[in-house]
């Protein structure tokens, strides 16, 4: 699934590159294939220390603050499964936009379809799941223009539907993830055939 995500994302990665809220830095090894100028902003103190330790022998820049305190500008800024954790998402987008260079790309990957918001979302600090209309609203209220807006992972959406209908428990979550990953090649095919109109995730690229 991570390879599928980076295949969607990679054409938009330009230097200098910033990821906001990288967590444990799981995507950094993938980013490094496309950029040599990476900055990570992580406001959580424990995660920040973990990132410093993990990347101490690299040229990756790691900062312990929020986008509001950032002063440099970037060609690419990405929030990978982060925006849903921020209650005032519109203000966050405006702050990020101010840190973009002209023609820069602001990228979001978020969980899709508010209909499927559940106890798990709440437990991990998600304020919402997103639909395309949410990003159209952001476009209308900022100086950004949508360059790409697609749903993806149609098989994942089927799992969400089954989970909601049959109220499946998360006790065997690892098995579910393993099974879901087996179906990713099929998900890629269905996504193309349906022109990315279905999926459990939503990917948006704004251009300044």
Foldseek 3Di string as FASTA:
>chain_A
DLVVVCVVVQVQDDPPEEEEACQQVPCVVVSVVRDQHYEYEHQDPVSQVNNCVVCVPHPYHYHHDHLQPDDAATQEYEYEQHLQLDPPSLVSVQSNVVRYDAQGKYKYKWFADQVLDDPVCVVVRGPGGDDPVVVVVSVVVHVKDWPDKAAFLQVVVVVSVCCVVVVDDCPVVVVVVVVSVVCVVVRVVVCVVVVRHHHRMMMIMITD
